Protein backbone atom coordinates (compact mmCIF):
# COMPACT_ATOMS: atom_id res chain seq x y z
CA MET A 1 38.62 9.03 -8.55
CA LEU A 2 35.37 9.79 -6.77
CA ARG A 3 35.05 6.17 -5.68
CA ALA A 4 38.59 6.11 -4.34
CA ALA A 5 38.16 9.36 -2.45
CA LEU A 6 34.90 8.32 -0.88
CA ALA A 7 36.13 4.84 -0.06
CA SER A 8 39.01 6.27 1.93
CA VAL A 9 36.57 8.19 4.11
CA VAL A 10 33.48 6.03 4.55
CA GLY A 11 34.49 2.60 3.26
CA LEU A 12 33.60 1.02 -0.07
CA LYS A 13 30.51 -0.83 1.14
CA VAL A 14 28.81 2.30 2.52
CA MET A 15 29.90 4.35 -0.48
CA GLU A 16 28.25 1.90 -2.87
CA PHE A 17 24.98 2.24 -0.97
CA TYR A 18 24.82 6.00 -1.53
CA VAL A 19 26.50 6.36 -4.95
CA CYS A 20 24.98 3.28 -6.62
CA PRO A 21 21.61 2.65 -4.97
CA ARG A 22 19.64 -0.37 -6.07
CA GLN A 23 17.03 0.54 -8.65
CA PRO A 24 13.41 0.07 -7.48
CA ARG A 25 11.50 -2.90 -8.85
CA ASP A 26 9.06 -2.32 -11.67
CA GLY A 27 5.77 -1.02 -10.39
CA LEU A 28 6.99 0.68 -7.24
CA ARG A 29 7.45 3.99 -9.06
CA HIS A 30 3.82 3.93 -10.12
CA ASP A 31 2.45 3.79 -6.55
CA ARG A 32 -0.02 1.09 -7.57
CA ARG A 33 -0.39 -0.12 -4.01
CA MET A 34 0.09 3.11 -2.15
CA PRO A 35 -2.12 2.99 0.98
CA GLU A 36 -4.91 5.57 0.83
CA LEU A 37 -7.99 6.32 2.92
CA PRO A 38 -9.92 3.05 2.32
CA GLU A 39 -6.89 0.91 3.15
CA VAL A 40 -5.93 3.08 6.13
CA THR A 41 -9.51 2.87 7.44
CA ALA A 42 -9.44 -0.93 7.15
CA LEU A 43 -6.00 -1.08 8.76
CA ALA A 44 -7.26 0.94 11.73
CA ALA A 45 -10.19 -1.44 12.19
CA GLY A 46 -8.05 -4.56 11.83
CA LEU A 47 -5.37 -3.30 14.19
CA THR A 48 -7.97 -2.30 16.77
CA GLU A 49 -9.39 -5.82 16.64
CA ARG A 50 -5.93 -7.28 17.19
CA LEU A 51 -4.53 -4.87 19.77
CA ALA A 52 -7.31 -3.16 21.75
CA GLY A 53 -7.04 -3.94 25.44
CA ARG A 54 -3.54 -5.35 25.19
CA THR A 55 -0.49 -3.92 26.93
CA VAL A 56 2.55 -2.72 25.02
CA THR A 57 5.52 -4.75 26.21
CA ALA A 58 8.22 -3.75 23.74
CA VAL A 59 8.95 -1.00 21.22
CA ARG A 60 11.96 -1.53 18.96
CA LEU A 61 13.04 1.19 16.56
CA ARG A 62 14.76 -0.31 13.53
CA SER A 63 14.98 2.79 11.31
CA VAL A 64 16.13 5.85 13.21
CA GLY A 65 15.21 8.21 10.39
CA ALA A 66 11.54 7.19 10.52
CA LEU A 67 11.01 8.60 14.04
CA LYS A 68 10.18 12.31 13.84
CA THR A 69 9.74 13.10 17.56
CA TYR A 70 11.83 12.65 20.71
CA ASP A 71 9.54 13.88 23.52
CA PRO A 72 7.75 11.84 24.77
CA PRO A 73 10.34 9.12 24.17
CA LEU A 74 9.33 6.06 22.18
CA GLN A 75 9.83 3.78 25.19
CA ALA A 76 7.15 5.71 27.10
CA LEU A 77 4.63 3.56 25.24
CA CYS A 78 5.77 0.46 27.13
CA GLY A 79 3.34 -0.52 29.87
CA SER A 80 0.42 1.40 28.37
CA THR A 81 -2.81 -0.28 27.27
CA VAL A 82 -3.91 0.11 23.67
CA ALA A 83 -7.37 1.71 23.44
CA GLY A 84 -7.62 1.37 19.66
CA TRP A 85 -6.60 2.75 16.28
CA THR A 86 -8.20 5.60 14.34
CA ARG A 87 -7.21 7.64 11.30
CA HIS A 88 -6.74 11.30 10.43
CA GLY A 89 -6.74 11.59 6.64
CA LYS A 90 -4.12 9.00 5.71
CA PHE A 91 -2.42 9.05 9.14
CA LEU A 92 -2.90 6.08 11.49
CA ASP A 93 -3.23 6.83 15.20
CA MET A 94 -2.81 4.26 18.00
CA SER A 95 -4.11 5.57 21.32
CA ALA A 96 -2.33 4.02 24.30
CA GLY A 97 -2.80 5.54 27.75
CA ASP A 98 -2.06 9.26 27.52
CA LEU A 99 0.04 8.87 24.38
CA HIS A 100 -0.50 8.36 20.67
CA LEU A 101 1.67 6.45 18.22
CA VAL A 102 1.01 8.11 14.86
CA VAL A 103 2.15 6.57 11.59
CA HIS A 104 2.12 7.95 8.07
CA LEU A 105 2.80 5.10 5.65
CA ALA A 106 3.77 7.39 2.74
CA ARG A 107 4.01 5.59 -0.61
CA ALA A 108 5.57 2.28 0.32
CA GLY A 109 4.86 1.74 4.01
CA TRP A 110 2.75 -1.00 5.53
CA ILE A 111 1.81 -2.57 8.88
CA ARG A 112 1.72 -6.32 9.43
CA TRP A 113 0.50 -8.34 12.38
CA ARG A 114 2.96 -11.00 13.54
CA GLU A 115 2.12 -13.88 15.85
CA SER A 116 5.70 -13.62 17.06
CA LEU A 117 8.12 -10.75 16.45
CA THR A 118 11.54 -11.54 15.04
CA GLU A 119 14.69 -10.06 16.50
CA ALA A 120 16.20 -7.70 13.92
CA ARG A 121 19.00 -5.19 14.08
CA ALA A 122 18.76 -1.63 12.78
CA SER A 123 19.71 -1.45 9.10
CA LEU A 124 19.99 1.22 6.41
CA ARG A 125 18.91 -1.28 3.78
CA GLY A 126 16.11 -3.28 5.38
CA PRO A 127 12.40 -2.42 5.16
CA LEU A 128 11.69 -2.83 8.88
CA ALA A 129 11.18 0.51 10.63
CA LEU A 130 9.46 -0.24 13.96
CA GLN A 131 8.24 -3.21 15.97
CA VAL A 132 5.60 -3.01 18.70
CA GLY A 133 5.12 -6.07 20.92
CA VAL A 134 2.12 -6.72 23.16
CA ASP A 135 1.33 -9.00 26.08
CA GLY A 136 0.35 -12.53 25.19
CA GLY A 137 2.85 -12.58 22.35
CA GLY A 138 2.81 -11.12 18.89
CA GLY A 139 2.77 -7.56 17.71
CA ILE A 140 3.19 -5.44 14.61
CA ASP A 141 5.95 -4.72 12.13
CA ILE A 142 5.90 -1.30 10.47
CA THR A 143 7.84 -1.51 7.21
CA GLU A 144 8.73 0.58 4.19
CA GLN A 145 9.89 -0.84 0.86
CA GLY A 146 11.95 1.02 -1.71
CA THR A 147 14.59 3.71 -1.36
CA GLU A 148 12.57 6.91 -0.82
CA LYS A 149 12.16 6.37 2.94
CA ARG A 150 9.30 8.79 3.58
CA LEU A 151 7.54 6.78 6.27
CA ALA A 152 7.03 8.90 9.39
CA ILE A 153 6.44 7.85 13.00
CA TYR A 154 5.49 10.15 15.87
CA VAL A 155 4.89 9.69 19.61
CA VAL A 156 2.77 12.60 20.83
CA ARG A 157 0.23 13.59 23.44
CA ASN A 158 -2.18 15.34 21.07
CA PRO A 159 -1.99 14.28 17.40
CA LEU A 160 -4.27 17.10 16.25
CA THR A 161 -1.74 19.73 17.26
CA ASP A 162 1.55 17.88 17.73
CA VAL A 163 1.79 16.26 14.27
CA PRO A 164 2.29 18.99 11.63
CA GLY A 165 0.81 16.91 8.81
CA ILE A 166 -2.40 16.31 10.75
CA ALA A 167 -2.66 19.95 11.83
CA ARG A 168 -2.57 20.96 8.15
CA LEU A 169 -5.20 18.51 6.92
CA GLY A 170 -8.14 19.87 4.97
CA ILE A 171 -11.70 18.61 5.19
CA ASP A 172 -11.99 14.83 5.27
CA VAL A 173 -13.15 13.30 2.01
CA LEU A 174 -15.93 11.42 3.85
CA ASP A 175 -17.14 14.47 5.79
CA ALA A 176 -20.89 14.88 5.23
CA SER A 177 -20.44 18.64 4.82
CA LEU A 178 -18.30 18.19 1.70
CA ASP A 179 -21.08 18.89 -0.80
CA ALA A 180 -20.66 20.01 -4.42
CA ALA A 181 -20.68 23.72 -3.60
CA THR A 182 -18.04 23.31 -0.89
CA LEU A 183 -15.82 21.17 -3.11
CA CYS A 184 -16.07 23.60 -6.03
CA GLY A 185 -15.26 26.51 -3.75
CA LEU A 186 -12.16 24.78 -2.40
CA LEU A 187 -10.89 23.81 -5.85
CA ARG A 188 -11.56 27.15 -7.55
CA ALA A 189 -9.70 28.96 -4.78
CA ARG A 190 -6.48 27.17 -5.73
CA ARG A 191 -4.34 27.36 -8.85
CA GLY A 192 -3.58 24.00 -10.43
CA GLN A 193 -4.90 20.94 -12.18
CA LEU A 194 -7.62 18.70 -10.78
CA LYS A 195 -5.29 15.70 -10.52
CA THR A 196 -2.85 17.59 -8.34
CA LEU A 197 -5.41 19.34 -6.17
CA LEU A 198 -7.47 16.22 -5.41
CA ALA A 199 -4.37 14.65 -3.87
CA ASP A 200 -3.48 17.79 -1.90
CA GLN A 201 -4.07 16.77 1.72
CA THR A 202 -4.36 20.38 2.88
CA LEU A 203 -7.38 20.76 0.61
CA VAL A 204 -9.24 17.45 0.91
CA ALA A 205 -7.80 14.77 3.21
CA GLY A 206 -7.68 11.13 2.22
CA VAL A 207 -7.33 10.94 -1.57
CA GLY A 208 -4.03 9.92 -3.13
CA ASN A 209 -2.61 9.06 -6.53
CA ALA A 210 -4.62 5.91 -7.24
CA TYR A 211 -8.07 7.02 -6.12
CA SER A 212 -7.73 10.44 -7.73
CA ASP A 213 -7.34 8.59 -11.06
CA GLU A 214 -10.47 6.58 -10.28
CA ILE A 215 -12.49 9.60 -9.18
CA LEU A 216 -11.65 11.66 -12.26
CA HIS A 217 -12.46 8.74 -14.54
CA ALA A 218 -15.81 8.25 -12.82
CA ALA A 219 -16.50 12.00 -13.13
CA ARG A 220 -15.48 12.00 -16.83
CA LEU A 221 -13.00 14.82 -16.25
CA SER A 222 -9.45 15.30 -17.52
CA PRO A 223 -6.81 14.93 -14.81
CA PHE A 224 -5.20 18.03 -16.26
CA LYS A 225 -8.18 20.37 -16.32
CA GLN A 226 -7.53 23.62 -14.49
CA ALA A 227 -9.59 23.79 -11.29
CA SER A 228 -10.41 27.44 -11.92
CA ALA A 229 -12.28 26.40 -15.09
CA LEU A 230 -14.50 23.86 -13.32
CA THR A 231 -18.20 24.47 -14.09
CA ASP A 232 -21.01 23.87 -11.61
CA GLN A 233 -22.13 20.82 -13.60
CA GLU A 234 -18.64 19.37 -13.67
CA GLY A 235 -18.26 20.10 -9.97
CA GLY A 236 -21.45 18.18 -9.26
CA ARG A 237 -20.15 15.18 -11.19
CA LEU A 238 -16.82 15.38 -9.39
CA GLN A 239 -18.39 15.53 -5.93
CA ASP A 240 -20.68 12.60 -6.74
CA ALA A 241 -17.76 10.52 -8.04
CA LEU A 242 -15.60 11.48 -5.06
CA GLN A 243 -18.17 10.30 -2.54
CA ARG A 244 -19.19 7.20 -4.49
CA VAL A 245 -15.69 5.91 -5.24
CA MET A 246 -14.35 6.45 -1.75
CA ARG A 247 -17.39 5.17 0.14
CA GLU A 248 -17.62 2.05 -2.04
CA ALA A 249 -13.93 1.35 -1.45
CA VAL A 250 -14.31 1.76 2.31
CA GLU A 251 -17.30 -0.59 2.38
CA ARG A 252 -15.53 -3.14 0.20
CA THR A 253 -12.48 -3.26 2.46
CA ARG A 254 -14.53 -3.47 5.66
CA GLY A 255 -13.77 -6.76 7.38
CA LEU A 256 -10.94 -7.74 5.03
CA ASP A 257 -7.83 -9.23 6.58
CA ILE A 258 -4.85 -6.88 6.52
CA GLY A 259 -3.08 -9.16 4.07
CA GLN A 260 -5.95 -8.88 1.56
CA LEU A 261 -6.06 -5.08 1.37
CA LYS A 262 -3.38 -4.48 -1.27
CA PRO A 263 -4.57 -7.20 -3.71
CA ASP A 264 -8.19 -6.06 -3.29
CA LYS A 265 -7.27 -2.46 -4.10
CA LYS A 266 -5.46 -3.44 -7.28
CA GLU A 267 -8.26 -5.76 -8.39
CA HIS A 268 -10.93 -3.07 -8.19
CA MET A 269 -9.09 -0.26 -9.98
CA ALA A 270 -10.86 0.79 -13.21
CA VAL A 271 -8.00 2.79 -14.75
CA HIS A 272 -5.18 3.23 -12.25
CA GLY A 273 -2.35 0.80 -12.92
CA ARG A 274 -4.11 -0.54 -16.04
CA THR A 275 -2.16 1.13 -18.85
CA GLY A 276 -2.85 -0.60 -22.17
CA GLU A 277 -6.01 -2.35 -20.98
CA ALA A 278 -9.52 -1.60 -22.19
CA CYS A 279 -11.57 1.01 -20.35
CA PRO A 280 -14.40 -0.83 -18.56
CA VAL A 281 -16.83 1.95 -19.56
CA CYS A 282 -16.15 2.63 -23.25
CA GLY A 283 -13.56 0.08 -24.34
CA ASP A 284 -10.91 2.64 -25.35
CA THR A 285 -7.29 1.92 -24.42
CA ILE A 286 -6.24 3.29 -21.04
CA ARG A 287 -3.29 5.67 -21.40
CA GLN A 288 -0.55 6.82 -19.07
CA VAL A 289 1.40 9.96 -18.29
CA ALA A 290 4.68 9.12 -16.53
CA LEU A 291 6.46 11.68 -14.38
CA ALA A 292 9.63 11.37 -12.35
CA THR A 293 8.19 9.43 -9.40
CA ARG A 294 4.54 8.81 -10.29
CA SER A 295 2.31 7.88 -13.18
CA PHE A 296 -1.26 8.88 -14.00
CA GLN A 297 -3.73 6.74 -15.93
CA TYR A 298 -6.80 8.00 -17.79
CA CYS A 299 -9.22 7.11 -20.61
CA PRO A 300 -9.09 9.50 -23.60
CA THR A 301 -12.67 8.83 -24.67
CA CYS A 302 -14.18 9.20 -21.20
CA GLN A 303 -12.04 12.08 -19.97
CA THR A 304 -10.22 14.14 -22.59
CA GLY A 305 -12.53 14.20 -25.61
CA GLY A 306 -10.43 11.57 -27.38
CA ARG A 307 -7.18 13.52 -27.07
CA VAL A 308 -4.12 11.44 -26.19
CA LEU A 309 -1.14 12.79 -24.31
CA ALA A 310 2.23 11.31 -25.29
CA ASP A 311 3.75 9.16 -22.56
CA ARG A 312 6.88 11.25 -22.09
CA ARG A 313 8.08 12.48 -18.75
CA LEU A 314 8.73 16.00 -20.00
CA SER A 315 5.47 16.30 -22.00
CA ARG A 316 3.19 19.22 -21.28
CA LEU A 317 0.00 18.12 -19.56
CA LEU A 318 -3.37 18.44 -21.22
CA ARG A 319 -5.55 21.32 -20.09
């Protein structure tokens, strides 16, 4: 009856898209390739190399829902010269004339360089969100796979104040002032588990689901330890692991082609995305906690004193 009622209003084809969405492919739910600070840093460098000094000739919005601003209009970018790309936390920022094209790739977004842009119509189903063409041919496709559709695009004059997500960012994970005392102070001031707080962009900007798993493994800390219970010694280990893991990842991705970034990230993960494999440190089996839209991986021997948490979505987390 519901199908018949909806079909009479919106048509069967559209109704099927909303009532019976296609299930995501295996692996997408686990965010194994979610772009985080190292990949975003490398993207900014690669895009600057490709686009700096070139004039924007075309801007084609393919996913209306991805654009979060209306003034300045998107087409105001046309005719401007690209100065370069930078990042703010996990936001990408293209400076062009007096304007900035800001992109947050969310969990399943990506940017690809194309030698020639294809003509594509706007679509609810397709991954293509935005195309930017430049003089001399070529340009970029900004895409988002999956059904969540959280990718966000902004055209602003000042990204530091005009993009709410950037205005709320905490201290950058690579900021030299983020020492052990500062990190401990930030964490202890919040209620919650280390896993959750490390990925909180208003606290420390740049760390996401994958690298928080790697950092906590390197620090030998449970993802589910309460931040308020963090000792000075544990805080020192956490800060050391935070800096080491993120800086090594940034250095490793430096100079990589955009197409190599996702495979390189997966290859160098010690625990994230490696459920059932042997821990590279102690040899124990890497375990997983699956939640509704994400999964966490950890080593019981290295991180939780040998305790194993059942892989059930409604399980209580270890403390």
